[in-house]
Amino acid sequence: CKTPYSCNLELGGKCPVIVDPTVDLEVTARRIIAGKWGCNNGQACISPDYIITLESFAPKLIDALRVTLEKFFGKGPFQSADLSRIVNFSHFAR
């Protein structure tokens, strides 16, 4: 490199999850849920923000995500000790 540059790239944020219809639904749903809510309640820069999949496959994926969310946090997630919380009100308000 003729010209050395000092730079730092922050590539986190608005992270997509691309889901192919041939995946193992249970494993995929578990990984998406853990990635979104298992690490600082989605406040990490690598937390999934949206999912891209085929329209015909989306209902199956949504059902699997619902089942997995209930397994992780129960029917009343706000009472779950396993659901991480927003750090403070100013973070919540953002």
N, C-alpha and C. Protein backbone atom coordinates (compact mmCIF):
# COMPACT_ATOMS: atom_id res chain seq x y z
N CYS A 1 0.84 -1.17 0.00
CA CYS A 1 0.00 0.00 0.00
C CYS A 1 0.90 1.25 0.00
N LYS A 2 0.76 2.07 -1.01
CA LYS A 2 1.59 3.28 -1.11
C LYS A 2 1.18 4.33 -0.08
N THR A 3 -0.10 4.41 0.19
CA THR A 3 -0.59 5.41 1.14
C THR A 3 -1.28 4.70 2.29
N PRO A 4 -0.61 4.59 3.43
CA PRO A 4 -1.26 3.92 4.56
C PRO A 4 -2.37 4.80 5.15
N TYR A 5 -3.51 4.21 5.31
CA TYR A 5 -4.65 4.93 5.89
C TYR A 5 -4.98 4.33 7.25
N SER A 6 -5.31 5.17 8.15
CA SER A 6 -5.80 4.72 9.44
C SER A 6 -7.31 4.84 9.41
N CYS A 7 -7.97 3.71 9.48
CA CYS A 7 -9.43 3.78 9.45
C CYS A 7 -10.02 2.67 10.29
N ASN A 8 -11.22 2.90 10.71
CA ASN A 8 -11.97 1.94 11.51
C ASN A 8 -13.36 1.85 10.91
N LEU A 9 -13.76 0.69 10.47
CA LEU A 9 -15.08 0.52 9.88
C LEU A 9 -16.04 -0.07 10.90
N GLU A 10 -17.17 0.56 11.07
CA GLU A 10 -18.24 0.03 11.91
C GLU A 10 -19.34 -0.41 10.96
N LEU A 11 -19.49 -1.70 10.82
CA LEU A 11 -20.44 -2.22 9.84
C LEU A 11 -21.68 -2.81 10.49
N GLY A 12 -21.86 -2.56 11.76
CA GLY A 12 -23.03 -3.11 12.45
C GLY A 12 -24.27 -2.28 12.20
N GLY A 13 -25.40 -2.89 12.44
CA GLY A 13 -26.68 -2.20 12.33
C GLY A 13 -27.44 -2.61 11.09
N LYS A 14 -28.74 -2.70 11.23
CA LYS A 14 -29.65 -3.10 10.15
C LYS A 14 -29.20 -4.42 9.52
N CYS A 15 -28.98 -5.39 10.36
CA CYS A 15 -28.46 -6.69 9.96
C CYS A 15 -29.58 -7.59 9.44
N PRO A 16 -29.48 -8.00 8.20
CA PRO A 16 -30.50 -8.91 7.66
C PRO A 16 -30.18 -10.37 7.98
N VAL A 17 -31.21 -11.17 8.01
CA VAL A 17 -31.07 -12.62 8.07
C VAL A 17 -31.73 -13.15 6.80
N ILE A 18 -30.98 -13.86 6.00
CA ILE A 18 -31.52 -14.44 4.77
C ILE A 18 -31.77 -15.91 5.03
N VAL A 19 -33.04 -16.33 4.87
CA VAL A 19 -33.42 -17.70 5.21
C VAL A 19 -33.89 -18.42 3.96
N ASP A 20 -33.18 -19.48 3.62
CA ASP A 20 -33.54 -20.34 2.49
C ASP A 20 -34.58 -21.35 2.95
N PRO A 21 -35.56 -21.68 2.12
CA PRO A 21 -36.61 -22.61 2.52
C PRO A 21 -36.15 -24.04 2.82
N THR A 22 -34.91 -24.38 2.51
CA THR A 22 -34.44 -25.74 2.76
C THR A 22 -33.78 -25.90 4.13
N VAL A 23 -33.80 -24.85 4.95
CA VAL A 23 -33.14 -24.90 6.26
C VAL A 23 -33.89 -25.78 7.23
N ASP A 24 -33.21 -26.14 8.31
CA ASP A 24 -33.86 -26.80 9.44
C ASP A 24 -34.55 -25.68 10.22
N LEU A 25 -35.88 -25.68 10.20
CA LEU A 25 -36.65 -24.58 10.79
C LEU A 25 -36.39 -24.40 12.28
N GLU A 26 -36.31 -25.49 13.01
CA GLU A 26 -36.11 -25.40 14.46
C GLU A 26 -34.77 -24.75 14.79
N VAL A 27 -33.72 -25.19 14.13
CA VAL A 27 -32.39 -24.63 14.36
C VAL A 27 -32.34 -23.16 13.94
N THR A 28 -32.92 -22.86 12.79
CA THR A 28 -32.91 -21.49 12.29
C THR A 28 -33.66 -20.54 13.22
N ALA A 29 -34.85 -20.94 13.64
CA ALA A 29 -35.64 -20.10 14.55
C ALA A 29 -34.88 -19.88 15.86
N ARG A 30 -34.27 -20.92 16.38
CA ARG A 30 -33.52 -20.81 17.64
C ARG A 30 -32.35 -19.83 17.48
N ARG A 31 -31.66 -19.89 16.39
CA ARG A 31 -30.51 -19.00 16.18
C ARG A 31 -30.95 -17.54 15.98
N ILE A 32 -32.05 -17.34 15.27
CA ILE A 32 -32.54 -15.97 15.08
C ILE A 32 -32.99 -15.37 16.41
N ILE A 33 -33.76 -16.14 17.18
CA ILE A 33 -34.25 -15.65 18.47
C ILE A 33 -33.08 -15.37 19.42
N ALA A 34 -32.13 -16.28 19.48
CA ALA A 34 -30.96 -16.08 20.35
C ALA A 34 -30.16 -14.87 19.90
N GLY A 35 -30.03 -14.69 18.60
CA GLY A 35 -29.29 -13.54 18.09
C GLY A 35 -29.96 -12.21 18.37
N LYS A 36 -31.29 -12.21 18.33
CA LYS A 36 -32.02 -10.96 18.54
C LYS A 36 -32.22 -10.63 20.01
N TRP A 37 -32.67 -11.59 20.79
CA TRP A 37 -33.03 -11.30 22.18
C TRP A 37 -32.07 -11.88 23.22
N GLY A 38 -31.14 -12.71 22.78
CA GLY A 38 -30.25 -13.36 23.74
C GLY A 38 -29.05 -12.53 24.13
N CYS A 39 -28.78 -11.49 23.40
CA CYS A 39 -27.60 -10.66 23.67
C CYS A 39 -28.01 -9.21 23.83
N ASN A 40 -28.22 -8.79 25.05
CA ASN A 40 -28.52 -7.39 25.36
C ASN A 40 -29.79 -6.89 24.68
N ASN A 41 -30.77 -7.76 24.56
CA ASN A 41 -32.10 -7.40 24.06
C ASN A 41 -32.08 -6.71 22.70
N GLY A 42 -31.24 -7.19 21.82
CA GLY A 42 -31.19 -6.63 20.47
C GLY A 42 -30.39 -5.35 20.35
N GLN A 43 -29.72 -4.94 21.42
CA GLN A 43 -28.96 -3.69 21.39
C GLN A 43 -27.55 -3.88 20.84
N ALA A 44 -27.15 -5.12 20.55
CA ALA A 44 -25.83 -5.37 19.98
C ALA A 44 -25.86 -5.05 18.49
N CYS A 45 -24.76 -4.57 17.95
CA CYS A 45 -24.73 -4.16 16.54
C CYS A 45 -24.87 -5.34 15.59
N ILE A 46 -24.69 -6.55 16.07
CA ILE A 46 -24.83 -7.73 15.20
C ILE A 46 -26.19 -8.40 15.35
N SER A 47 -27.08 -7.78 16.09
CA SER A 47 -28.40 -8.34 16.32
C SER A 47 -29.23 -8.29 15.03
N PRO A 48 -29.90 -9.40 14.66
CA PRO A 48 -30.73 -9.39 13.44
C PRO A 48 -31.84 -8.35 13.53
N ASP A 49 -32.05 -7.62 12.44
CA ASP A 49 -33.10 -6.59 12.40
C ASP A 49 -34.27 -6.96 11.50
N TYR A 50 -34.00 -7.72 10.47
CA TYR A 50 -35.09 -8.14 9.59
C TYR A 50 -34.72 -9.43 8.89
N ILE A 51 -35.74 -10.10 8.36
CA ILE A 51 -35.55 -11.40 7.72
C ILE A 51 -35.98 -11.31 6.27
N ILE A 52 -35.19 -11.89 5.41
CA ILE A 52 -35.51 -12.00 3.99
C ILE A 52 -35.71 -13.47 3.68
N THR A 53 -36.86 -13.81 3.14
CA THR A 53 -37.14 -15.19 2.75
C THR A 53 -38.19 -15.17 1.65
N LEU A 54 -38.51 -16.32 1.11
CA LEU A 54 -39.55 -16.40 0.09
C LEU A 54 -40.92 -16.17 0.72
N GLU A 55 -41.79 -15.49 0.01
CA GLU A 55 -43.13 -15.20 0.52
C GLU A 55 -43.88 -16.48 0.86
N SER A 56 -43.69 -17.51 0.07
CA SER A 56 -44.39 -18.78 0.31
C SER A 56 -43.86 -19.50 1.56
N PHE A 57 -42.64 -19.21 1.96
CA PHE A 57 -42.03 -19.85 3.12
C PHE A 57 -42.24 -19.07 4.41
N ALA A 58 -42.53 -17.80 4.29
CA ALA A 58 -42.64 -16.91 5.46
C ALA A 58 -43.61 -17.41 6.53
N PRO A 59 -44.82 -17.90 6.21
CA PRO A 59 -45.72 -18.37 7.27
C PRO A 59 -45.13 -19.50 8.12
N LYS A 60 -44.42 -20.43 7.50
CA LYS A 60 -43.78 -21.52 8.24
C LYS A 60 -42.70 -20.98 9.17
N LEU A 61 -41.93 -20.04 8.67
CA LEU A 61 -40.86 -19.45 9.48
C LEU A 61 -41.45 -18.66 10.65
N ILE A 62 -42.49 -17.90 10.40
CA ILE A 62 -43.14 -17.12 11.47
C ILE A 62 -43.68 -18.04 12.55
N ASP A 63 -44.32 -19.13 12.15
CA ASP A 63 -44.82 -20.10 13.13
C ASP A 63 -43.69 -20.68 13.97
N ALA A 64 -42.59 -21.03 13.32
CA ALA A 64 -41.43 -21.58 14.04
C ALA A 64 -40.85 -20.55 15.00
N LEU A 65 -40.81 -19.29 14.59
CA LEU A 65 -40.30 -18.24 15.47
C LEU A 65 -41.21 -18.05 16.68
N ARG A 66 -42.52 -18.11 16.48
CA ARG A 66 -43.46 -17.99 17.61
C ARG A 66 -43.27 -19.11 18.62
N VAL A 67 -43.17 -20.34 18.12
CA VAL A 67 -42.97 -21.50 19.00
C VAL A 67 -41.66 -21.34 19.78
N THR A 68 -40.62 -20.93 19.09
CA THR A 68 -39.31 -20.79 19.72
C THR A 68 -39.30 -19.66 20.75
N LEU A 69 -39.95 -18.55 20.44
CA LEU A 69 -40.04 -17.45 21.41
C LEU A 69 -40.71 -17.92 22.70
N GLU A 70 -41.77 -18.71 22.56
CA GLU A 70 -42.46 -19.22 23.74
C GLU A 70 -41.58 -20.18 24.53
N LYS A 71 -40.79 -21.00 23.82
CA LYS A 71 -39.87 -21.91 24.50
C LYS A 71 -38.80 -21.12 25.27
N PHE A 72 -38.31 -20.06 24.67
CA PHE A 72 -37.27 -19.25 25.30
C PHE A 72 -37.80 -18.48 26.50
N PHE A 73 -38.94 -17.82 26.34
CA PHE A 73 -39.38 -16.82 27.32
C PHE A 73 -40.74 -17.09 27.95
N GLY A 74 -41.43 -18.16 27.53
CA GLY A 74 -42.74 -18.47 28.08
C GLY A 74 -43.85 -17.66 27.45
N LYS A 75 -45.07 -17.90 27.93
CA LYS A 75 -46.23 -17.20 27.37
C LYS A 75 -46.29 -15.74 27.80
N GLY A 76 -45.72 -15.42 28.93
CA GLY A 76 -45.68 -14.05 29.42
C GLY A 76 -44.26 -13.55 29.47
N PRO A 77 -43.67 -13.15 28.34
CA PRO A 77 -42.25 -12.83 28.32
C PRO A 77 -41.84 -11.68 29.23
N PHE A 78 -42.76 -10.77 29.55
CA PHE A 78 -42.38 -9.65 30.42
C PHE A 78 -42.10 -10.10 31.84
N GLN A 79 -42.60 -11.27 32.22
CA GLN A 79 -42.32 -11.82 33.54
C GLN A 79 -41.13 -12.78 33.52
N SER A 80 -40.59 -13.04 32.35
CA SER A 80 -39.50 -14.00 32.20
C SER A 80 -38.19 -13.44 32.75
N ALA A 81 -37.54 -14.24 33.57
CA ALA A 81 -36.22 -13.85 34.09
C ALA A 81 -35.15 -13.98 33.00
N ASP A 82 -35.47 -14.69 31.92
CA ASP A 82 -34.50 -14.93 30.86
C ASP A 82 -34.51 -13.86 29.77
N LEU A 83 -35.53 -13.01 29.74
CA LEU A 83 -35.58 -11.95 28.73
C LEU A 83 -34.75 -10.78 29.22
N SER A 84 -33.74 -10.41 28.43
CA SER A 84 -32.90 -9.29 28.85
C SER A 84 -33.69 -7.99 28.77
N ARG A 85 -33.24 -7.01 29.49
CA ARG A 85 -33.97 -5.75 29.60
C ARG A 85 -33.18 -4.60 28.98
N ILE A 86 -33.91 -3.56 28.58
CA ILE A 86 -33.28 -2.33 28.12
C ILE A 86 -32.57 -1.71 29.33
N VAL A 87 -31.40 -1.15 29.12
CA VAL A 87 -30.56 -0.68 30.21
C VAL A 87 -31.24 0.41 31.04
N ASN A 88 -31.76 1.44 30.38
CA ASN A 88 -32.44 2.51 31.12
C ASN A 88 -33.47 3.18 30.22
N PHE A 89 -34.24 4.11 30.76
CA PHE A 89 -35.33 4.71 30.01
C PHE A 89 -34.85 5.47 28.79
N SER A 90 -33.71 6.16 28.87
CA SER A 90 -33.24 6.91 27.70
C SER A 90 -32.92 5.97 26.54
N HIS A 91 -32.42 4.78 26.82
CA HIS A 91 -32.19 3.80 25.76
C HIS A 91 -33.51 3.30 25.20
N PHE A 92 -34.49 3.10 26.07
CA PHE A 92 -35.82 2.66 25.64
C PHE A 92 -36.46 3.72 24.75
N ALA A 93 -36.32 4.98 25.10
CA ALA A 93 -36.95 6.08 24.36
C ALA A 93 -36.36 6.26 22.97
N ARG A 94 -35.11 5.83 22.77
CA ARG A 94 -34.49 5.97 21.45
C ARG A 94 -35.27 5.17 20.46
